Amino acid sequence: SYTVQVKHCPNSISDAGVTFKPSQNEAA
């Protein structure tokens, strides 16, 4: 699967690790 680091807060580099289901691999 894929994991993306996502920034939500203005002063962060990344504040969330989002791991997608394997069925999302093509889109991810």
mmCIF file of all heavy atoms, coordinates in Angstrom:
data_MODEL
# 
_entry.id   MODEL 
# 
loop_
_atom_site.group_PDB 
_atom_site.id 
_atom_site.type_symbol 
_atom_site.label_atom_id 
_atom_site.label_alt_id 
_atom_site.label_comp_id 
_atom_site.label_asym_id 
_atom_site.label_entity_id 
_atom_site.label_seq_id 
_atom_site.pdbx_PDB_ins_code 
_atom_site.Cartn_x 
_atom_site.Cartn_y 
_atom_site.Cartn_z 
_atom_site.occupancy 
_atom_site.B_iso_or_equiv 
_atom_site.pdbx_formal_charge 
_atom_site.auth_seq_id 
_atom_site.auth_comp_id 
_atom_site.auth_asym_id 
_atom_site.auth_atom_id 
_atom_site.pdbx_PDB_model_num 
ATOM 1   N N   . SER A 1 1  ? 0.845   -1.192 0.000   1.00 0.00 ? 1  SER A N   1 
ATOM 2   C CA  . SER A 1 1  ? 0.000   0.000  0.000   1.00 0.00 ? 1  SER A CA  1 
ATOM 3   C C   . SER A 1 1  ? 0.882   1.244  0.000   1.00 0.00 ? 1  SER A C   1 
ATOM 4   O O   . SER A 1 1  ? 2.098   1.157  0.066   1.00 0.00 ? 1  SER A O   1 
ATOM 5   C CB  . SER A 1 1  ? -0.915  0.006  1.225   1.00 0.00 ? 1  SER A CB  1 
ATOM 6   O OG  . SER A 1 1  ? -0.144  0.066  2.402   1.00 0.00 ? 1  SER A OG  1 
ATOM 7   N N   . TYR A 1 2  ? 0.227   2.393  -0.076  1.00 0.00 ? 2  TYR A N   1 
ATOM 8   C CA  . TYR A 1 2  ? 0.932   3.668  -0.052  1.00 0.00 ? 2  TYR A CA  1 
ATOM 9   C C   . TYR A 1 2  ? 0.587   4.422  1.229   1.00 0.00 ? 2  TYR A C   1 
ATOM 10  O O   . TYR A 1 2  ? -0.558  4.368  1.698   1.00 0.00 ? 2  TYR A O   1 
ATOM 11  C CB  . TYR A 1 2  ? 0.535   4.544  -1.248  1.00 0.00 ? 2  TYR A CB  1 
ATOM 12  C CG  . TYR A 1 2  ? 1.184   4.138  -2.541  1.00 0.00 ? 2  TYR A CG  1 
ATOM 13  C CD1 . TYR A 1 2  ? 0.691   3.068  -3.281  1.00 0.00 ? 2  TYR A CD1 1 
ATOM 14  C CD2 . TYR A 1 2  ? 2.290   4.823  -3.035  1.00 0.00 ? 2  TYR A CD2 1 
ATOM 15  C CE1 . TYR A 1 2  ? 1.285   2.692  -4.482  1.00 0.00 ? 2  TYR A CE1 1 
ATOM 16  C CE2 . TYR A 1 2  ? 2.886   4.455  -4.226  1.00 0.00 ? 2  TYR A CE2 1 
ATOM 17  C CZ  . TYR A 1 2  ? 2.375   3.387  -4.945  1.00 0.00 ? 2  TYR A CZ  1 
ATOM 18  O OH  . TYR A 1 2  ? 2.973   3.028  -6.126  1.00 0.00 ? 2  TYR A OH  1 
ATOM 19  N N   . THR A 1 3  ? 1.578   5.134  1.754   1.00 0.00 ? 3  THR A N   1 
ATOM 20  C CA  . THR A 1 3  ? 1.357   6.051  2.868   1.00 0.00 ? 3  THR A CA  1 
ATOM 21  C C   . THR A 1 3  ? 1.801   7.430  2.408   1.00 0.00 ? 3  THR A C   1 
ATOM 22  O O   . THR A 1 3  ? 2.870   7.581  1.814   1.00 0.00 ? 3  THR A O   1 
ATOM 23  C CB  . THR A 1 3  ? 2.165   5.641  4.113   1.00 0.00 ? 3  THR A CB  1 
ATOM 24  O OG1 . THR A 1 3  ? 1.728   4.351  4.545   1.00 0.00 ? 3  THR A OG1 1 
ATOM 25  C CG2 . THR A 1 3  ? 1.982   6.635  5.251   1.00 0.00 ? 3  THR A CG2 1 
ATOM 26  N N   . VAL A 1 4  ? 0.952   8.419  2.658   1.00 0.00 ? 4  VAL A N   1 
ATOM 27  C CA  . VAL A 1 4  ? 1.334   9.795  2.359   1.00 0.00 ? 4  VAL A CA  1 
ATOM 28  C C   . VAL A 1 4  ? 1.388   10.575 3.659   1.00 0.00 ? 4  VAL A C   1 
ATOM 29  O O   . VAL A 1 4  ? 0.624   10.326 4.589   1.00 0.00 ? 4  VAL A O   1 
ATOM 30  C CB  . VAL A 1 4  ? 0.367   10.486 1.357   1.00 0.00 ? 4  VAL A CB  1 
ATOM 31  C CG1 . VAL A 1 4  ? 0.404   9.813  0.004   1.00 0.00 ? 4  VAL A CG1 1 
ATOM 32  C CG2 . VAL A 1 4  ? -1.042  10.548 1.881   1.00 0.00 ? 4  VAL A CG2 1 
ATOM 33  N N   . GLN A 1 5  ? 2.344   11.472 3.720   1.00 0.00 ? 5  GLN A N   1 
ATOM 34  C CA  . GLN A 1 5  ? 2.421   12.428 4.816   1.00 0.00 ? 5  GLN A CA  1 
ATOM 35  C C   . GLN A 1 5  ? 1.631   13.644 4.361   1.00 0.00 ? 5  GLN A C   1 
ATOM 36  O O   . GLN A 1 5  ? 1.853   14.150 3.256   1.00 0.00 ? 5  GLN A O   1 
ATOM 37  C CB  . GLN A 1 5  ? 3.870   12.803 5.119   1.00 0.00 ? 5  GLN A CB  1 
ATOM 38  C CG  . GLN A 1 5  ? 4.721   11.638 5.575   1.00 0.00 ? 5  GLN A CG  1 
ATOM 39  C CD  . GLN A 1 5  ? 4.184   10.985 6.835   1.00 0.00 ? 5  GLN A CD  1 
ATOM 40  O OE1 . GLN A 1 5  ? 3.857   11.649 7.802   1.00 0.00 ? 5  GLN A OE1 1 
ATOM 41  N NE2 . GLN A 1 5  ? 4.087   9.668  6.816   1.00 0.00 ? 5  GLN A NE2 1 
ATOM 42  N N   . VAL A 1 6  ? 0.694   14.074 5.191   1.00 0.00 ? 6  VAL A N   1 
ATOM 43  C CA  . VAL A 1 6  ? -0.192  15.169 4.813   1.00 0.00 ? 6  VAL A CA  1 
ATOM 44  C C   . VAL A 1 6  ? -0.033  16.324 5.793   1.00 0.00 ? 6  VAL A C   1 
ATOM 45  O O   . VAL A 1 6  ? -0.018  16.131 7.009   1.00 0.00 ? 6  VAL A O   1 
ATOM 46  C CB  . VAL A 1 6  ? -1.665  14.701 4.781   1.00 0.00 ? 6  VAL A CB  1 
ATOM 47  C CG1 . VAL A 1 6  ? -2.590  15.845 4.385   1.00 0.00 ? 6  VAL A CG1 1 
ATOM 48  C CG2 . VAL A 1 6  ? -1.837  13.531 3.823   1.00 0.00 ? 6  VAL A CG2 1 
ATOM 49  N N   . LYS A 1 7  ? 0.086   17.514 5.233   1.00 0.00 ? 7  LYS A N   1 
ATOM 50  C CA  . LYS A 1 7  ? 0.187   18.741 6.015   1.00 0.00 ? 7  LYS A CA  1 
ATOM 51  C C   . LYS A 1 7  ? -1.202  19.364 6.115   1.00 0.00 ? 7  LYS A C   1 
ATOM 52  O O   . LYS A 1 7  ? -1.860  19.591 5.097   1.00 0.00 ? 7  LYS A O   1 
ATOM 53  C CB  . LYS A 1 7  ? 1.139   19.715 5.333   1.00 0.00 ? 7  LYS A CB  1 
ATOM 54  C CG  . LYS A 1 7  ? 1.173   21.075 5.969   1.00 0.00 ? 7  LYS A CG  1 
ATOM 55  C CD  . LYS A 1 7  ? 2.027   22.037 5.177   1.00 0.00 ? 7  LYS A CD  1 
ATOM 56  C CE  . LYS A 1 7  ? 1.872   23.426 5.784   1.00 0.00 ? 7  LYS A CE  1 
ATOM 57  N NZ  . LYS A 1 7  ? 2.761   24.378 5.177   1.00 0.00 ? 7  LYS A NZ  1 
ATOM 58  N N   . HIS A 1 8  ? -1.639  19.618 7.350   1.00 0.00 ? 8  HIS A N   1 
ATOM 59  C CA  . HIS A 1 8  ? -2.907  20.296 7.593   1.00 0.00 ? 8  HIS A CA  1 
ATOM 60  C C   . HIS A 1 8  ? -2.700  21.659 8.240   1.00 0.00 ? 8  HIS A C   1 
ATOM 61  O O   . HIS A 1 8  ? -3.402  22.598 7.938   1.00 0.00 ? 8  HIS A O   1 
ATOM 62  C CB  . HIS A 1 8  ? -3.803  19.458 8.510   1.00 0.00 ? 8  HIS A CB  1 
ATOM 63  C CG  . HIS A 1 8  ? -4.202  18.147 7.935   1.00 0.00 ? 8  HIS A CG  1 
ATOM 64  N ND1 . HIS A 1 8  ? -3.463  17.005 8.145   1.00 0.00 ? 8  HIS A ND1 1 
ATOM 65  C CD2 . HIS A 1 8  ? -5.246  17.782 7.167   1.00 0.00 ? 8  HIS A CD2 1 
ATOM 66  C CE1 . HIS A 1 8  ? -4.045  15.993 7.526   1.00 0.00 ? 8  HIS A CE1 1 
ATOM 67  N NE2 . HIS A 1 8  ? -5.129  16.431 6.926   1.00 0.00 ? 8  HIS A NE2 1 
ATOM 68  N N   . CYS A 1 9  ? -1.755  21.732 9.164   1.00 0.00 ? 9  CYS A N   1 
ATOM 69  C CA  . CYS A 1 9  ? -1.500  22.965 9.914   1.00 0.00 ? 9  CYS A CA  1 
ATOM 70  C C   . CYS A 1 9  ? -0.565  23.873 9.123   1.00 0.00 ? 9  CYS A C   1 
ATOM 71  O O   . CYS A 1 9  ? 0.368   23.395 8.475   1.00 0.00 ? 9  CYS A O   1 
ATOM 72  C CB  . CYS A 1 9  ? -0.873  22.650 11.267  1.00 0.00 ? 9  CYS A CB  1 
ATOM 73  S SG  . CYS A 1 9  ? -1.904  21.619 12.324  1.00 0.00 ? 9  CYS A SG  1 
ATOM 74  N N   . PRO A 1 10 ? -0.784  25.171 9.198   1.00 0.00 ? 10 PRO A N   1 
ATOM 75  C CA  . PRO A 1 10 ? 0.028   26.111 8.411   1.00 0.00 ? 10 PRO A CA  1 
ATOM 76  C C   . PRO A 1 10 ? 1.530   26.045 8.678   1.00 0.00 ? 10 PRO A C   1 
ATOM 77  O O   . PRO A 1 10 ? 2.317   26.211 7.771   1.00 0.00 ? 10 PRO A O   1 
ATOM 78  C CB  . PRO A 1 10 ? -0.520  27.487 8.813   1.00 0.00 ? 10 PRO A CB  1 
ATOM 79  C CG  . PRO A 1 10 ? -1.805  27.250 9.488   1.00 0.00 ? 10 PRO A CG  1 
ATOM 80  C CD  . PRO A 1 10 ? -1.813  25.847 9.983   1.00 0.00 ? 10 PRO A CD  1 
ATOM 81  N N   . ASN A 1 11 ? 1.934   25.788 9.902   1.00 0.00 ? 11 ASN A N   1 
ATOM 82  C CA  . ASN A 1 11 ? 3.360   25.826 10.246  1.00 0.00 ? 11 ASN A CA  1 
ATOM 83  C C   . ASN A 1 11 ? 3.985   24.452 10.415  1.00 0.00 ? 11 ASN A C   1 
ATOM 84  O O   . ASN A 1 11 ? 4.953   24.304 11.141  1.00 0.00 ? 11 ASN A O   1 
ATOM 85  C CB  . ASN A 1 11 ? 3.554   26.655 11.524  1.00 0.00 ? 11 ASN A CB  1 
ATOM 86  C CG  . ASN A 1 11 ? 3.143   28.092 11.330  1.00 0.00 ? 11 ASN A CG  1 
ATOM 87  O OD1 . ASN A 1 11 ? 3.392   28.674 10.277  1.00 0.00 ? 11 ASN A OD1 1 
ATOM 88  N ND2 . ASN A 1 11 ? 2.504   28.666 12.330  1.00 0.00 ? 11 ASN A ND2 1 
ATOM 89  N N   . SER A 1 12 ? 3.438   23.444 9.753   1.00 0.00 ? 12 SER A N   1 
ATOM 90  C CA  . SER A 1 12 ? 4.010   22.103 9.871   1.00 0.00 ? 12 SER A CA  1 
ATOM 91  C C   . SER A 1 12 ? 4.548   21.642 8.523   1.00 0.00 ? 12 SER A C   1 
ATOM 92  O O   . SER A 1 12 ? 4.196   22.182 7.485   1.00 0.00 ? 12 SER A O   1 
ATOM 93  C CB  . SER A 1 12 ? 2.958   21.106 10.367  1.00 0.00 ? 12 SER A CB  1 
ATOM 94  O OG  . SER A 1 12 ? 2.035   20.829 9.341   1.00 0.00 ? 12 SER A OG  1 
ATOM 95  N N   . ILE A 1 13 ? 5.397   20.654 8.582   1.00 0.00 ? 13 ILE A N   1 
ATOM 96  C CA  . ILE A 1 13 ? 5.850   19.992 7.353   1.00 0.00 ? 13 ILE A CA  1 
ATOM 97  C C   . ILE A 1 13 ? 4.892   18.850 7.050   1.00 0.00 ? 13 ILE A C   1 
ATOM 98  O O   . ILE A 1 13 ? 4.469   18.654 5.930   1.00 0.00 ? 13 ILE A O   1 
ATOM 99  C CB  . ILE A 1 13 ? 7.294   19.474 7.509   1.00 0.00 ? 13 ILE A CB  1 
ATOM 100 C CG1 . ILE A 1 13 ? 8.245   20.655 7.695   1.00 0.00 ? 13 ILE A CG1 1 
ATOM 101 C CG2 . ILE A 1 13 ? 7.695   18.615 6.324   1.00 0.00 ? 13 ILE A CG2 1 
ATOM 102 C CD1 . ILE A 1 13 ? 9.653   20.272 8.067   1.00 0.00 ? 13 ILE A CD1 1 
ATOM 103 N N   . SER A 1 14 ? 4.556   18.100 8.094   1.00 0.00 ? 14 SER A N   1 
ATOM 104 C CA  . SER A 1 14 ? 3.597   17.001 7.999   1.00 0.00 ? 14 SER A CA  1 
ATOM 105 C C   . SER A 1 14 ? 3.033   16.764 9.387   1.00 0.00 ? 14 SER A C   1 
ATOM 106 O O   . SER A 1 14 ? 3.766   16.791 10.367  1.00 0.00 ? 14 SER A O   1 
ATOM 107 C CB  . SER A 1 14 ? 4.284   15.736 7.491   1.00 0.00 ? 14 SER A CB  1 
ATOM 108 O OG  . SER A 1 14 ? 3.416   14.634 7.612   1.00 0.00 ? 14 SER A OG  1 
ATOM 109 N N   . ASP A 1 15 ? 1.732   16.529 9.458   1.00 0.00 ? 15 ASP A N   1 
ATOM 110 C CA  . ASP A 1 15 ? 1.147   16.237 10.758  1.00 0.00 ? 15 ASP A CA  1 
ATOM 111 C C   . ASP A 1 15 ? 0.269   14.999 10.744  1.00 0.00 ? 15 ASP A C   1 
ATOM 112 O O   . ASP A 1 15 ? -0.334  14.664 11.751  1.00 0.00 ? 15 ASP A O   1 
ATOM 113 C CB  . ASP A 1 15 ? 0.379   17.441 11.318  1.00 0.00 ? 15 ASP A CB  1 
ATOM 114 C CG  . ASP A 1 15 ? -0.352  18.224 10.273  1.00 0.00 ? 15 ASP A CG  1 
ATOM 115 O OD1 . ASP A 1 15 ? -1.095  17.625 9.495   1.00 0.00 ? 15 ASP A OD1 1 
ATOM 116 O OD2 . ASP A 1 15 ? -0.172  19.449 10.222  1.00 0.00 ? 15 ASP A OD2 1 
ATOM 117 N N   . ALA A 1 16 ? 0.227   14.306 9.596   1.00 0.00 ? 16 ALA A N   1 
ATOM 118 C CA  . ALA A 1 16 ? -0.564  13.074 9.518   1.00 0.00 ? 16 ALA A CA  1 
ATOM 119 C C   . ALA A 1 16 ? 0.103   12.079 8.586   1.00 0.00 ? 16 ALA A C   1 
ATOM 120 O O   . ALA A 1 16 ? 0.610   12.445 7.530   1.00 0.00 ? 16 ALA A O   1 
ATOM 121 C CB  . ALA A 1 16 ? -1.971  13.376 9.019   1.00 0.00 ? 16 ALA A CB  1 
ATOM 122 N N   . GLY A 1 17 ? 0.070   10.822 9.009   1.00 0.00 ? 17 GLY A N   1 
ATOM 123 C CA  . GLY A 1 17 ? 0.460   9.723  8.134   1.00 0.00 ? 17 GLY A CA  1 
ATOM 124 C C   . GLY A 1 17 ? -0.816  9.025  7.712   1.00 0.00 ? 17 GLY A C   1 
ATOM 125 O O   . GLY A 1 17 ? -1.566  8.541  8.557   1.00 0.00 ? 17 GLY A O   1 
ATOM 126 N N   . VAL A 1 18 ? -1.089  9.008  6.413   1.00 0.00 ? 18 VAL A N   1 
ATOM 127 C CA  . VAL A 1 18 ? -2.336  8.431  5.893   1.00 0.00 ? 18 VAL A CA  1 
ATOM 128 C C   . VAL A 1 18 ? -1.975  7.219  5.042   1.00 0.00 ? 18 VAL A C   1 
ATOM 129 O O   . VAL A 1 18 ? -1.330  7.353  4.001   1.00 0.00 ? 18 VAL A O   1 
ATOM 130 C CB  . VAL A 1 18 ? -3.122  9.462  5.057   1.00 0.00 ? 18 VAL A CB  1 
ATOM 131 C CG1 . VAL A 1 18 ? -4.407  8.856  4.522   1.00 0.00 ? 18 VAL A CG1 1 
ATOM 132 C CG2 . VAL A 1 18 ? -3.406  10.722 5.874   1.00 0.00 ? 18 VAL A CG2 1 
ATOM 133 N N   . THR A 1 19 ? -2.380  6.029  5.500   1.00 0.00 ? 19 THR A N   1 
ATOM 134 C CA  . THR A 1 19 ? -2.097  4.792  4.768   1.00 0.00 ? 19 THR A CA  1 
ATOM 135 C C   . THR A 1 19 ? -3.357  4.348  4.030   1.00 0.00 ? 19 THR A C   1 
ATOM 136 O O   . THR A 1 19 ? -4.403  4.141  4.643   1.00 0.00 ? 19 THR A O   1 
ATOM 137 C CB  . THR A 1 19 ? -1.620  3.684  5.724   1.00 0.00 ? 19 THR A CB  1 
ATOM 138 O OG1 . THR A 1 19 ? -0.433  4.143  6.386   1.00 0.00 ? 19 THR A OG1 1 
ATOM 139 C CG2 . THR A 1 19 ? -1.306  2.406  4.964   1.00 0.00 ? 19 THR A CG2 1 
ATOM 140 N N   . PHE A 1 20 ? -3.206  4.207  2.722   1.00 0.00 ? 20 PHE A N   1 
ATOM 141 C CA  . PHE A 1 20 ? -4.342  3.850  1.884   1.00 0.00 ? 20 PHE A CA  1 
ATOM 142 C C   . PHE A 1 20 ? -4.529  2.346  1.789   1.00 0.00 ? 20 PHE A C   1 
ATOM 143 O O   . PHE A 1 20 ? -3.569  1.573  1.905   1.00 0.00 ? 20 PHE A O   1 
ATOM 144 C CB  . PHE A 1 20 ? -4.171  4.441  0.478   1.00 0.00 ? 20 PHE A CB  1 
ATOM 145 C CG  . PHE A 1 20 ? -4.223  5.941  0.484   1.00 0.00 ? 20 PHE A CG  1 
ATOM 146 C CD1 . PHE A 1 20 ? -3.070  6.693  0.446   1.00 0.00 ? 20 PHE A CD1 1 
ATOM 147 C CD2 . PHE A 1 20 ? -5.440  6.595  0.582   1.00 0.00 ? 20 PHE A CD2 1 
ATOM 148 C CE1 . PHE A 1 20 ? -3.110  8.076  0.486   1.00 0.00 ? 20 PHE A CE1 1 
ATOM 149 C CE2 . PHE A 1 20 ? -5.502  7.981  0.630   1.00 0.00 ? 20 PHE A CE2 1 
ATOM 150 C CZ  . PHE A 1 20 ? -4.334  8.713  0.569   1.00 0.00 ? 20 PHE A CZ  1 
ATOM 151 N N   . LYS A 1 21 ? -5.767  1.954  1.580   1.00 0.00 ? 21 LYS A N   1 
ATOM 152 C CA  . LYS A 1 21 ? -6.080  0.539  1.369   1.00 0.00 ? 21 LYS A CA  1 
ATOM 153 C C   . LYS A 1 21 ? -5.385  0.083  0.087   1.00 0.00 ? 21 LYS A C   1 
ATOM 154 O O   . LYS A 1 21 ? -5.191  0.875  -0.842  1.00 0.00 ? 21 LYS A O   1 
ATOM 155 C CB  . LYS A 1 21 ? -7.594  0.347  1.215   1.00 0.00 ? 21 LYS A CB  1 
ATOM 156 C CG  . LYS A 1 21 ? -8.376  0.749  2.430   1.00 0.00 ? 21 LYS A CG  1 
ATOM 157 C CD  . LYS A 1 21 ? -9.847  0.436  2.296   1.00 0.00 ? 21 LYS A CD  1 
ATOM 158 C CE  . LYS A 1 21 ? -10.502 1.344  1.270   1.00 0.00 ? 21 LYS A CE  1 
ATOM 159 N NZ  . LYS A 1 21 ? -11.952 1.212  1.225   1.00 0.00 ? 21 LYS A NZ  1 
ATOM 160 N N   . PRO A 1 22 ? -4.989  -1.204 -0.001  1.00 0.00 ? 22 PRO A N   1 
ATOM 161 C CA  . PRO A 1 22 ? -4.343  -1.707 -1.219  1.00 0.00 ? 22 PRO A CA  1 
ATOM 162 C C   . PRO A 1 22 ? -5.175  -1.473 -2.486  1.00 0.00 ? 22 PRO A C   1 
ATOM 163 O O   . PRO A 1 22 ? -4.612  -1.276 -3.561  1.00 0.00 ? 22 PRO A O   1 
ATOM 164 C CB  . PRO A 1 22 ? -4.163  -3.199 -0.927  1.00 0.00 ? 22 PRO A CB  1 
ATOM 165 C CG  . PRO A 1 22 ? -4.039  -3.266 0.566   1.00 0.00 ? 22 PRO A CG  1 
ATOM 166 C CD  . PRO A 1 22 ? -4.986  -2.210 1.072   1.00 0.00 ? 22 PRO A CD  1 
ATOM 167 N N   . SER A 1 23 ? -6.491  -1.427 -2.350  1.00 0.00 ? 23 SER A N   1 
ATOM 168 C CA  . SER A 1 23 ? -7.335  -1.185 -3.526  1.00 0.00 ? 23 SER A CA  1 
ATOM 169 C C   . SER A 1 23 ? -7.146  0.229  -4.088  1.00 0.00 ? 23 SER A C   1 
ATOM 170 O O   . SER A 1 23 ? -7.581  0.520  -5.200  1.00 0.00 ? 23 SER A O   1 
ATOM 171 C CB  . SER A 1 23 ? -8.814  -1.401 -3.178  1.00 0.00 ? 23 SER A CB  1 
ATOM 172 O OG  . SER A 1 23 ? -9.240  -0.469 -2.190  1.00 0.00 ? 23 SER A OG  1 
ATOM 173 N N   . GLN A 1 24 ? -6.464  1.082  -3.339  1.00 0.00 ? 24 GLN A N   1 
ATOM 174 C CA  . GLN A 1 24 ? -6.210  2.463  -3.771  1.00 0.00 ? 24 GLN A CA  1 
ATOM 175 C C   . GLN A 1 24 ? -4.832  2.631  -4.421  1.00 0.00 ? 24 GLN A C   1 
ATOM 176 O O   . GLN A 1 24 ? -4.450  3.742  -4.774  1.00 0.00 ? 24 GLN A O   1 
ATOM 177 C CB  . GLN A 1 24 ? -6.318  3.395  -2.565  1.00 0.00 ? 24 GLN A CB  1 
ATOM 178 C CG  . GLN A 1 24 ? -7.690  3.461  -1.951  1.00 0.00 ? 24 GLN A CG  1 
ATOM 179 C CD  . GLN A 1 24 ? -8.639  4.249  -2.837  1.00 0.00 ? 24 GLN A CD  1 
ATOM 180 O OE1 . GLN A 1 24 ? -8.458  5.435  -3.067  1.00 0.00 ? 24 GLN A OE1 1 
ATOM 181 N NE2 . GLN A 1 24 ? -9.649  3.567  -3.343  1.00 0.00 ? 24 GLN A NE2 1 
ATOM 182 N N   . ASN A 1 25 ? -4.079  1.519  -4.580  1.00 0.00 ? 25 ASN A N   1 
ATOM 183 C CA  . ASN A 1 25 ? -2.699  1.613  -5.066  1.00 0.00 ? 25 ASN A CA  1 
ATOM 184 C C   . ASN A 1 25 ? -2.562  2.317  -6.411  1.00 0.00 ? 25 ASN A C   1 
ATOM 185 O O   . ASN A 1 25 ? -1.653  3.129  -6.593  1.00 0.00 ? 25 ASN A O   1 
ATOM 186 C CB  . ASN A 1 25 ? -2.048  0.236  -5.138  1.00 0.00 ? 25 ASN A CB  1 
ATOM 187 C CG  . ASN A 1 25 ? -1.599  -0.252 -3.778  1.00 0.00 ? 25 ASN A CG  1 
ATOM 188 O OD1 . ASN A 1 25 ? -1.666  0.469  -2.793  1.00 0.00 ? 25 ASN A OD1 1 
ATOM 189 N ND2 . ASN A 1 25 ? -1.159  -1.506 -3.717  1.00 0.00 ? 25 ASN A ND2 1 
ATOM 190 N N   . GLU A 1 26 ? -3.439  2.010  -7.341  1.00 0.00 ? 26 GLU A N   1 
ATOM 191 C CA  . GLU A 1 26 ? -3.312  2.630  -8.667  1.00 0.00 ? 26 GLU A CA  1 
ATOM 192 C C   . GLU A 1 26 ? -3.476  4.146  -8.567  1.00 0.00 ? 26 GLU A C   1 
ATOM 193 O O   . GLU A 1 26 ? -2.662  4.902  -9.108  1.00 0.00 ? 26 GLU A O   1 
ATOM 194 C CB  . GLU A 1 26 ? -4.350  2.048  -9.632  1.00 0.00 ? 26 GLU A CB  1 
ATOM 195 C CG  . GLU A 1 26 ? -4.172  2.551  -11.048 1.00 0.00 ? 26 GLU A CG  1 
ATOM 196 C CD  . GLU A 1 26 ? -5.126  1.884  -12.021 1.00 0.00 ? 26 GLU A CD  1 
ATOM 197 O OE1 . GLU A 1 26 ? -5.647  0.791  -11.728 1.00 0.00 ? 26 GLU A OE1 1 
ATOM 198 O OE2 . GLU A 1 26 ? -5.338  2.467  -13.088 1.00 0.00 ? 26 GLU A OE2 1 
ATOM 199 N N   . ALA A 1 27 ? -4.493  4.596  -7.851  1.00 0.00 ? 27 ALA A N   1 
ATOM 200 C CA  . ALA A 1 27 ? -4.712  6.038  -7.696  1.00 0.00 ? 27 ALA A CA  1 
ATOM 201 C C   . ALA A 1 27 ? -3.601  6.669  -6.859  1.00 0.00 ? 27 ALA A C   1 
ATOM 202 O O   . ALA A 1 27 ? -3.121  7.766  -7.175  1.00 0.00 ? 27 ALA A O   1 
ATOM 203 C CB  . ALA A 1 27 ? -6.072  6.294  -7.059  1.00 0.00 ? 27 ALA A CB  1 
ATOM 204 N N   . ALA A 1 28 ? -3.176  5.989  -5.805  1.00 0.00 ? 28 ALA A N   1 
ATOM 205 C CA  . ALA A 1 28 ? -2.142  6.532  -4.925  1.00 0.00 ? 28 ALA A CA  1 
ATOM 206 C C   . ALA A 1 28 ? -0.796  6.652  -5.641  1.00 0.00 ? 28 ALA A C   1 
ATOM 207 O O   . ALA A 1 28 ? -0.011  7.550  -5.338  1.00 0.00 ? 28 ALA A O   1 
ATOM 208 C CB  . ALA A 1 28 ? -2.004  5.675  -3.673  1.00 0.00 ? 28 ALA A CB  1 
# 
